[in-house]
Amino acid sequence: MKKLLRLAAIGCILGGIAASWLAPKAIAWYFTPPIEMALNCKAPIEWALHKLQLAQLFGTLAGGFLSAVIGMILFKQKEENLPQAE
């Protein structure tokens, strides 16, 4: 159980790092802020930062979930390969 939790924590960290690196590029490429920027740029910046926070949250959760699933599959295979004591 400890190994699985450690693996999930590592996946959360790696997912958060990946999202922090990729999300700004995706936001700049894919999205257009719904508010036009005139003299005040506060609203578009708030919008973009909100999208960044959502992407980081999703990346962290997805990384933890995927690493936990992979860990469960790997640990289950190891348990199946162990010899049975009679």
PDB file of N, CA and C in Angstrom:
ATOM      1  N   MET A   1       0.816  -1.194   0.000  1.00  0.00           N
ATOM      2  CA  MET A   1       0.000   0.000   0.000  1.00  0.00           C
ATOM      3  C   MET A   1       0.867   1.269   0.000  1.00  0.00           C
ATOM      4  N   LYS A   2       1.981   1.205   0.761  1.00  0.00           N
ATOM      5  CA  LYS A   2       2.865   2.364   0.802  1.00  0.00           C
ATOM      6  C   LYS A   2       3.487   2.635  -0.567  1.00  0.00           C
ATOM      7  N   LYS A   3       3.844   1.547  -1.260  1.00  0.00           N
ATOM      8  CA  LYS A   3       4.440   1.711  -2.591  1.00  0.00           C
ATOM      9  C   LYS A   3       3.447   2.350  -3.547  1.00  0.00           C
ATOM     10  N   LEU A   4       2.191   1.950  -3.447  1.00  0.00           N
ATOM     11  CA  LEU A   4       1.163   2.496  -4.325  1.00  0.00           C
ATOM     12  C   LEU A   4       0.930   3.983  -4.039  1.00  0.00           C
ATOM     13  N   LEU A   5       0.910   4.346  -2.759  1.00  0.00           N
ATOM     14  CA  LEU A   5       0.733   5.757  -2.404  1.00  0.00           C
ATOM     15  C   LEU A   5       1.923   6.602  -2.848  1.00  0.00           C
ATOM     16  N   ARG A   6       3.111   6.056  -2.706  1.00  0.00           N
ATOM     17  CA  ARG A   6       4.298   6.784  -3.177  1.00  0.00           C
ATOM     18  C   ARG A   6       4.257   6.966  -4.692  1.00  0.00           C
ATOM     19  N   LEU A   7       3.879   5.930  -5.385  1.00  0.00           N
ATOM     20  CA  LEU A   7       3.790   6.007  -6.842  1.00  0.00           C
ATOM     21  C   LEU A   7       2.730   7.018  -7.267  1.00  0.00           C
ATOM     22  N   ALA A   8       1.592   7.040  -6.579  1.00  0.00           N
ATOM     23  CA  ALA A   8       0.543   8.014  -6.893  1.00  0.00           C
ATOM     24  C   ALA A   8       1.013   9.437  -6.595  1.00  0.00           C
ATOM     25  N   ALA A   9       1.759   9.625  -5.514  1.00  0.00           N
ATOM     26  CA  ALA A   9       2.281  10.954  -5.188  1.00  0.00           C
ATOM     27  C   ALA A   9       3.277  11.424  -6.246  1.00  0.00           C
ATOM     28  N   ILE A  10       4.130  10.515  -6.687  1.00  0.00           N
ATOM     29  CA  ILE A  10       5.084  10.862  -7.747  1.00  0.00           C
ATOM     30  C   ILE A  10       4.333  11.203  -9.031  1.00  0.00           C
ATOM     31  N   GLY A  11       3.276  10.451  -9.340  1.00  0.00           N
ATOM     32  CA  GLY A  11       2.460  10.745 -10.520  1.00  0.00           C
ATOM     33  C   GLY A  11       1.781  12.102 -10.418  1.00  0.00           C
ATOM     34  N   CYS A  12       1.310  12.457  -9.219  1.00  0.00           N
ATOM     35  CA  CYS A  12       0.695  13.780  -9.023  1.00  0.00           C
ATOM     36  C   CYS A  12       1.706  14.894  -9.280  1.00  0.00           C
ATOM     37  N   ILE A  13       2.901  14.713  -8.763  1.00  0.00           N
ATOM     38  CA  ILE A  13       3.942  15.730  -8.952  1.00  0.00           C
ATOM     39  C   ILE A  13       4.304  15.848 -10.427  1.00  0.00           C
ATOM     40  N   LEU A  14       4.519  14.719 -11.090  1.00  0.00           N
ATOM     41  CA  LEU A  14       4.877  14.759 -12.515  1.00  0.00           C
ATOM     42  C   LEU A  14       3.731  15.309 -13.370  1.00  0.00           C
ATOM     43  N   GLY A  15       2.491  14.961 -13.022  1.00  0.00           N
ATOM     44  CA  GLY A  15       1.350  15.508 -13.757  1.00  0.00           C
ATOM     45  C   GLY A  15       1.225  17.007 -13.583  1.00  0.00           C
ATOM     46  N   GLY A  16       1.467  17.488 -12.367  1.00  0.00           N
ATOM     47  CA  GLY A  16       1.434  18.927 -12.124  1.00  0.00           C
ATOM     48  C   GLY A  16       2.528  19.667 -12.866  1.00  0.00           C
ATOM     49  N   ILE A  17       3.711  19.071 -12.889  1.00  0.00           N
ATOM     50  CA  ILE A  17       4.825  19.693 -13.621  1.00  0.00           C
ATOM     51  C   ILE A  17       4.525  19.732 -15.116  1.00  0.00           C
ATOM     52  N   ALA A  18       4.021  18.632 -15.652  1.00  0.00           N
ATOM     53  CA  ALA A  18       3.699  18.592 -17.083  1.00  0.00           C
ATOM     54  C   ALA A  18       2.607  19.605 -17.427  1.00  0.00           C
ATOM     55  N   ALA A  19       1.599  19.702 -16.580  1.00  0.00           N
ATOM     56  CA  ALA A  19       0.520  20.657 -16.841  1.00  0.00           C
ATOM     57  C   ALA A  19       1.028  22.096 -16.741  1.00  0.00           C
ATOM     58  N   SER A  20       1.906  22.359 -15.782  1.00  0.00           N
ATOM     59  CA  SER A  20       2.456  23.712 -15.638  1.00  0.00           C
ATOM     60  C   SER A  20       3.310  24.093 -16.836  1.00  0.00           C
ATOM     61  N   TRP A  21       3.937  23.121 -17.462  1.00  0.00           N
ATOM     62  CA  TRP A  21       4.783  23.396 -18.619  1.00  0.00           C
ATOM     63  C   TRP A  21       3.962  23.509 -19.901  1.00  0.00           C
ATOM     64  N   LEU A  22       2.950  22.638 -20.058  1.00  0.00           N
ATOM     65  CA  LEU A  22       2.199  22.590 -21.307  1.00  0.00           C
ATOM     66  C   LEU A  22       0.984  23.516 -21.345  1.00  0.00           C
ATOM     67  N   ALA A  23       0.360  23.776 -20.210  1.00  0.00           N
ATOM     68  CA  ALA A  23      -0.893  24.534 -20.195  1.00  0.00           C
ATOM     69  C   ALA A  23      -0.754  25.955 -20.744  1.00  0.00           C
ATOM     70  N   PRO A  24       0.277  26.720 -20.396  1.00  0.00           N
ATOM     71  CA  PRO A  24       0.366  28.074 -20.978  1.00  0.00           C
ATOM     72  C   PRO A  24       0.460  28.061 -22.505  1.00  0.00           C
ATOM     73  N   LYS A  25       1.178  27.086 -23.035  1.00  0.00           N
ATOM     74  CA  LYS A  25       1.292  26.984 -24.495  1.00  0.00           C
ATOM     75  C   LYS A  25      -0.061  26.639 -25.120  1.00  0.00           C
ATOM     76  N   ALA A  26      -0.781  25.726 -24.486  1.00  0.00           N
ATOM     77  CA  ALA A  26      -2.097  25.334 -25.006  1.00  0.00           C
ATOM     78  C   ALA A  26      -3.095  26.478 -24.900  1.00  0.00           C
ATOM     79  N   ILE A  27      -3.066  27.205 -23.799  1.00  0.00           N
ATOM     80  CA  ILE A  27      -3.987  28.335 -23.632  1.00  0.00           C
ATOM     81  C   ILE A  27      -3.701  29.404 -24.680  1.00  0.00           C
ATOM     82  N   ALA A  28      -2.435  29.702 -24.895  1.00  0.00           N
ATOM     83  CA  ALA A  28      -2.077  30.732 -25.874  1.00  0.00           C
ATOM     84  C   ALA A  28      -2.418  30.294 -27.294  1.00  0.00           C
ATOM     85  N   TRP A  29      -2.282  29.009 -27.595  1.00  0.00           N
ATOM     86  CA  TRP A  29      -2.520  28.531 -28.948  1.00  0.00           C
ATOM     87  C   TRP A  29      -3.999  28.314 -29.230  1.00  0.00           C
ATOM     88  N   TYR A  30      -4.737  27.748 -28.277  1.00  0.00           N
ATOM     89  CA  TYR A  30      -6.080  27.269 -28.539  1.00  0.00           C
ATOM     90  C   TYR A  30      -7.187  28.253 -28.174  1.00  0.00           C
ATOM     91  N   PHE A  31      -7.016  28.961 -27.089  1.00  0.00           N
ATOM     92  CA  PHE A  31      -8.095  29.790 -26.571  1.00  0.00           C
ATOM     93  C   PHE A  31      -7.920  31.254 -26.938  1.00  0.00           C
ATOM     94  N   THR A  32      -9.037  31.921 -27.083  1.00  0.00           N
ATOM     95  CA  THR A  32      -9.070  33.361 -27.222  1.00  0.00           C
ATOM     96  C   THR A  32      -9.864  33.892 -26.041  1.00  0.00           C
ATOM     97  N   PRO A  33      -9.313  34.822 -25.300  1.00  0.00           N
ATOM     98  CA  PRO A  33     -10.049  35.339 -24.146  1.00  0.00           C
ATOM     99  C   PRO A  33     -11.402  35.911 -24.581  1.00  0.00           C
ATOM    100  N   PRO A  34     -12.443  35.681 -23.795  1.00  0.00           N
ATOM    101  CA  PRO A  34     -13.763  36.166 -24.175  1.00  0.00           C
ATOM    102  C   PRO A  34     -13.918  37.672 -24.021  1.00  0.00           C
ATOM    103  N   ILE A  35     -12.963  38.322 -23.418  1.00  0.00           N
ATOM    104  CA  ILE A  35     -13.046  39.761 -23.164  1.00  0.00           C
ATOM    105  C   ILE A  35     -11.948  40.448 -23.968  1.00  0.00           C
ATOM    106  N   GLU A  36     -12.342  41.458 -24.707  1.00  0.00           N
ATOM    107  CA  GLU A  36     -11.357  42.207 -25.479  1.00  0.00           C
ATOM    108  C   GLU A  36     -10.532  43.095 -24.549  1.00  0.00           C
ATOM    109  N   MET A  37      -9.257  43.191 -24.842  1.00  0.00           N
ATOM    110  CA  MET A  37      -8.366  43.985 -24.015  1.00  0.00           C
ATOM    111  C   MET A  37      -8.277  45.394 -24.603  1.00  0.00           C
ATOM    112  N   ALA A  38      -8.619  46.373 -23.792  1.00  0.00           N
ATOM    113  CA  ALA A  38      -8.510  47.774 -24.209  1.00  0.00           C
ATOM    114  C   ALA A  38      -7.417  48.411 -23.351  1.00  0.00           C
ATOM    115  N   LEU A  39      -7.813  49.243 -22.444  1.00  0.00           N
ATOM    116  CA  LEU A  39      -6.835  49.875 -21.564  1.00  0.00           C
ATOM    117  C   LEU A  39      -6.608  49.057 -20.298  1.00  0.00           C
ATOM    118  N   ASN A  40      -7.561  48.238 -19.951  1.00  0.00           N
ATOM    119  CA  ASN A  40      -7.466  47.430 -18.744  1.00  0.00           C
ATOM    120  C   ASN A  40      -7.304  45.972 -19.141  1.00  0.00           C
ATOM    121  N   CYS A  41      -6.223  45.358 -18.720  1.00  0.00           N
ATOM    122  CA  CYS A  41      -5.976  43.965 -19.105  1.00  0.00           C
ATOM    123  C   CYS A  41      -6.225  43.007 -17.949  1.00  0.00           C
ATOM    124  N   LYS A  42      -6.876  43.458 -16.896  1.00  0.00           N
ATOM    125  CA  LYS A  42      -7.103  42.620 -15.715  1.00  0.00           C
ATOM    126  C   LYS A  42      -8.008  41.421 -16.028  1.00  0.00           C
ATOM    127  N   ALA A  43      -9.100  41.642 -16.724  1.00  0.00           N
ATOM    128  CA  ALA A  43     -10.063  40.567 -16.991  1.00  0.00           C
ATOM    129  C   ALA A  43      -9.460  39.441 -17.848  1.00  0.00           C
ATOM    130  N   PRO A  44      -8.758  39.722 -18.949  1.00  0.00           N
ATOM    131  CA  PRO A  44      -8.160  38.618 -19.710  1.00  0.00           C
ATOM    132  C   PRO A  44      -7.092  37.856 -18.928  1.00  0.00           C
ATOM    133  N   ILE A  45      -6.344  38.556 -18.097  1.00  0.00           N
ATOM    134  CA  ILE A  45      -5.322  37.887 -17.297  1.00  0.00           C
ATOM    135  C   ILE A  45      -5.974  36.982 -16.266  1.00  0.00           C
ATOM    136  N   GLU A  46      -7.036  37.456 -15.622  1.00  0.00           N
ATOM    137  CA  GLU A  46      -7.756  36.620 -14.659  1.00  0.00           C
ATOM    138  C   GLU A  46      -8.336  35.385 -15.348  1.00  0.00           C
ATOM    139  N   TRP A  47      -8.869  35.569 -16.542  1.00  0.00           N
ATOM    140  CA  TRP A  47      -9.429  34.448 -17.300  1.00  0.00           C
ATOM    141  C   TRP A  47      -8.343  33.416 -17.618  1.00  0.00           C
ATOM    142  N   ALA A  48      -7.192  33.880 -18.106  1.00  0.00           N
ATOM    143  CA  ALA A  48      -6.110  32.969 -18.483  1.00  0.00           C
ATOM    144  C   ALA A  48      -5.543  32.245 -17.258  1.00  0.00           C
ATOM    145  N   LEU A  49      -5.411  32.954 -16.150  1.00  0.00           N
ATOM    146  CA  LEU A  49      -4.896  32.307 -14.945  1.00  0.00           C
ATOM    147  C   LEU A  49      -5.879  31.282 -14.396  1.00  0.00           C
ATOM    148  N   HIS A  50      -7.163  31.552 -14.528  1.00  0.00           N
ATOM    149  CA  HIS A  50      -8.165  30.574 -14.106  1.00  0.00           C
ATOM    150  C   HIS A  50      -8.056  29.303 -14.954  1.00  0.00           C
ATOM    151  N   LYS A  51      -7.882  29.460 -16.253  1.00  0.00           N
ATOM    152  CA  LYS A  51      -7.712  28.298 -17.134  1.00  0.00           C
ATOM    153  C   LYS A  51      -6.423  27.546 -16.794  1.00  0.00           C
ATOM    154  N   LEU A  52      -5.365  28.271 -16.449  1.00  0.00           N
ATOM    155  CA  LEU A  52      -4.107  27.640 -16.065  1.00  0.00           C
ATOM    156  C   LEU A  52      -4.279  26.829 -14.788  1.00  0.00           C
ATOM    157  N   GLN A  53      -4.977  27.389 -13.811  1.00  0.00           N
ATOM    158  CA  GLN A  53      -5.201  26.671 -12.554  1.00  0.00           C
ATOM    159  C   GLN A  53      -6.024  25.405 -12.780  1.00  0.00           C
ATOM    160  N   LEU A  54      -7.029  25.484 -13.632  1.00  0.00           N
ATOM    161  CA  LEU A  54      -7.829  24.298 -13.933  1.00  0.00           C
ATOM    162  C   LEU A  54      -6.982  23.233 -14.630  1.00  0.00           C
ATOM    163  N   ALA A  55      -6.127  23.654 -15.548  1.00  0.00           N
ATOM    164  CA  ALA A  55      -5.262  22.703 -16.246  1.00  0.00           C
ATOM    165  C   ALA A  55      -4.279  22.049 -15.283  1.00  0.00           C
ATOM    166  N   GLN A  56      -3.734  22.821 -14.346  1.00  0.00           N
ATOM    167  CA  GLN A  56      -2.810  22.258 -13.368  1.00  0.00           C
ATOM    168  C   GLN A  56      -3.520  21.275 -12.445  1.00  0.00           C
ATOM    169  N   LEU A  57      -4.721  21.606 -12.022  1.00  0.00           N
ATOM    170  CA  LEU A  57      -5.492  20.703 -11.167  1.00  0.00           C
ATOM    171  C   LEU A  57      -5.793  19.404 -11.906  1.00  0.00           C
ATOM    172  N   PHE A  58      -6.246  19.514 -13.142  1.00  0.00           N
ATOM    173  CA  PHE A  58      -6.546  18.322 -13.936  1.00  0.00           C
ATOM    174  C   PHE A  58      -5.292  17.481 -14.179  1.00  0.00           C
ATOM    175  N   GLY A  59      -4.176  18.133 -14.489  1.00  0.00           N
ATOM    176  CA  GLY A  59      -2.926  17.402 -14.722  1.00  0.00           C
ATOM    177  C   GLY A  59      -2.449  16.674 -13.480  1.00  0.00           C
ATOM    178  N   THR A  60      -2.586  17.309 -12.317  1.00  0.00           N
ATOM    179  CA  THR A  60      -2.177  16.682 -11.068  1.00  0.00           C
ATOM    180  C   THR A  60      -3.050  15.473 -10.754  1.00  0.00           C
ATOM    181  N   LEU A  61      -4.365  15.629 -10.882  1.00  0.00           N
ATOM    182  CA  LEU A  61      -5.276  14.518 -10.602  1.00  0.00           C
ATOM    183  C   LEU A  61      -5.101  13.382 -11.612  1.00  0.00           C
ATOM    184  N   ALA A  62      -4.948  13.730 -12.874  1.00  0.00           N
ATOM    185  CA  ALA A  62      -4.776  12.700 -13.902  1.00  0.00           C
ATOM    186  C   ALA A  62      -3.463  11.949 -13.706  1.00  0.00           C
ATOM    187  N   GLY A  63      -2.396  12.656 -13.365  1.00  0.00           N
ATOM    188  CA  GLY A  63      -1.113  12.000 -13.120  1.00  0.00           C
ATOM    189  C   GLY A  63      -1.182  11.043 -11.946  1.00  0.00           C
ATOM    190  N   GLY A  64      -1.830  11.464 -10.861  1.00  0.00           N
ATOM    191  CA  GLY A  64      -1.978  10.593  -9.708  1.00  0.00           C
ATOM    192  C   GLY A  64      -2.834   9.379 -10.011  1.00  0.00           C
ATOM    193  N   PHE A  65      -3.936   9.582 -10.716  1.00  0.00           N
ATOM    194  CA  PHE A  65      -4.830   8.479 -11.052  1.00  0.00           C
ATOM    195  C   PHE A  65      -4.151   7.475 -11.976  1.00  0.00           C
ATOM    196  N   LEU A  66      -3.512   7.973 -13.029  1.00  0.00           N
ATOM    197  CA  LEU A  66      -2.867   7.064 -13.979  1.00  0.00           C
ATOM    198  C   LEU A  66      -1.718   6.283 -13.342  1.00  0.00           C
ATOM    199  N   SER A  67      -0.923   6.949 -12.510  1.00  0.00           N
ATOM    200  CA  SER A  67       0.179   6.231 -11.870  1.00  0.00           C
ATOM    201  C   SER A  67      -0.345   5.216 -10.853  1.00  0.00           C
ATOM    202  N   ALA A  68      -1.444   5.517 -10.185  1.00  0.00           N
ATOM    203  CA  ALA A  68      -2.036   4.552  -9.251  1.00  0.00           C
ATOM    204  C   ALA A  68      -2.566   3.330  -9.998  1.00  0.00           C
ATOM    205  N   VAL A  69      -3.203   3.550 -11.131  1.00  0.00           N
ATOM    206  CA  VAL A  69      -3.717   2.430 -11.924  1.00  0.00           C
ATOM    207  C   VAL A  69      -2.569   1.576 -12.446  1.00  0.00           C
ATOM    208  N   ILE A  70      -1.540   2.212 -12.954  1.00  0.00           N
ATOM    209  CA  ILE A  70      -0.378   1.464 -13.444  1.00  0.00           C
ATOM    210  C   ILE A  70       0.277   0.707 -12.297  1.00  0.00           C
ATOM    211  N   GLY A  71       0.377   1.337 -11.137  1.00  0.00           N
ATOM    212  CA  GLY A  71       0.955   0.669  -9.975  1.00  0.00           C
ATOM    213  C   GLY A  71       0.149  -0.527  -9.539  1.00  0.00           C
ATOM    214  N   MET A  72      -1.176  -0.415  -9.547  1.00  0.00           N
ATOM    215  CA  MET A  72      -2.011  -1.552  -9.159  1.00  0.00           C
ATOM    216  C   MET A  72      -1.835  -2.710 -10.135  1.00  0.00           C
ATOM    217  N   ILE A  73      -1.728  -2.398 -11.414  1.00  0.00           N
ATOM    218  CA  ILE A  73      -1.530  -3.451 -12.415  1.00  0.00           C
ATOM    219  C   ILE A  73      -0.172  -4.131 -12.212  1.00  0.00           C
ATOM    220  N   LEU A  74       0.873  -3.334 -12.002  1.00  0.00           N
ATOM    221  CA  LEU A  74       2.213  -3.905 -11.820  1.00  0.00           C
ATOM    222  C   LEU A  74       2.307  -4.719 -10.542  1.00  0.00           C
ATOM    223  N   PHE A  75       1.762  -4.196  -9.436  1.00  0.00           N
ATOM    224  CA  PHE A  75       1.840  -4.909  -8.163  1.00  0.00           C
ATOM    225  C   PHE A  75       1.001  -6.176  -8.194  1.00  0.00           C
ATOM    226  N   LYS A  76      -0.109  -6.175  -8.923  1.00  0.00           N
ATOM    227  CA  LYS A  76      -0.932  -7.369  -9.030  1.00  0.00           C
ATOM    228  C   LYS A  76      -0.191  -8.454  -9.812  1.00  0.00           C
ATOM    229  N   GLN A  77       0.517  -8.070 -10.868  1.00  0.00           N
ATOM    230  CA  GLN A  77       1.286  -9.037 -11.643  1.00  0.00           C
ATOM    231  C   GLN A  77       2.406  -9.636 -10.803  1.00  0.00           C
ATOM    232  N   LYS A  78       3.041  -8.834  -9.952  1.00  0.00           N
ATOM    233  CA  LYS A  78       4.103  -9.349  -9.098  1.00  0.00           C
ATOM    234  C   LYS A  78       3.542 -10.357  -8.100  1.00  0.00           C
ATOM    235  N   GLU A  79       2.363 -10.074  -7.550  1.00  0.00           N
ATOM    236  CA  GLU A  79       1.750 -10.982  -6.589  1.00  0.00           C
ATOM    237  C   GLU A  79       1.366 -12.307  -7.249  1.00  0.00           C
ATOM    238  N   GLU A  80       0.921 -12.254  -8.499  1.00  0.00           N
ATOM    239  CA  GLU A  80       0.540 -13.473  -9.209  1.00  0.00           C
ATOM    240  C   GLU A  80       1.746 -14.342  -9.535  1.00  0.00           C
ATOM    241  N   ASN A  81       2.898 -13.734  -9.708  1.00  0.00           N
ATOM    242  CA  ASN A  81       4.111 -14.487 -10.060  1.00  0.00           C
ATOM    243  C   ASN A  81       4.820 -15.085  -8.855  1.00  0.00           C
ATOM    244  N   LEU A  82       4.465 -14.681  -7.636  1.00  0.00           N
ATOM    245  CA  LEU A  82       5.100 -15.229  -6.446  1.00  0.00           C
ATOM    246  C   LEU A  82       4.657 -16.672  -6.233  1.00  0.00           C
ATOM    247  N   PRO A  83       5.585 -17.533  -5.785  1.00  0.00           N
ATOM    248  CA  PRO A  83       5.199 -18.922  -5.524  1.00  0.00           C
ATOM    249  C   PRO A  83       4.304 -19.015  -4.290  1.00  0.00           C
ATOM    250  N   GLN A  84       3.357 -19.917  -4.341  1.00  0.00           N
ATOM    251  CA  GLN A  84       2.408 -20.112  -3.235  1.00  0.00           C
ATOM    252  C   GLN A  84       3.033 -21.026  -2.184  1.00  0.00           C
ATOM    253  N   ALA A  85       2.926 -20.636  -0.913  1.00  0.00           N
ATOM    254  CA  ALA A  85       3.410 -21.475   0.188  1.00  0.00           C
ATOM    255  C   ALA A  85       2.348 -22.509   0.513  1.00  0.00           C
ATOM    256  N   GLU A  86       2.779 -23.766   0.651  1.00  0.00           N
ATOM    257  CA  GLU A  86       1.830 -24.854   0.934  1.00  0.00           C
ATOM    258  C   GLU A  86       1.974 -25.356   2.328  1.00  0.00           C
TER     259      GLU A  86
END
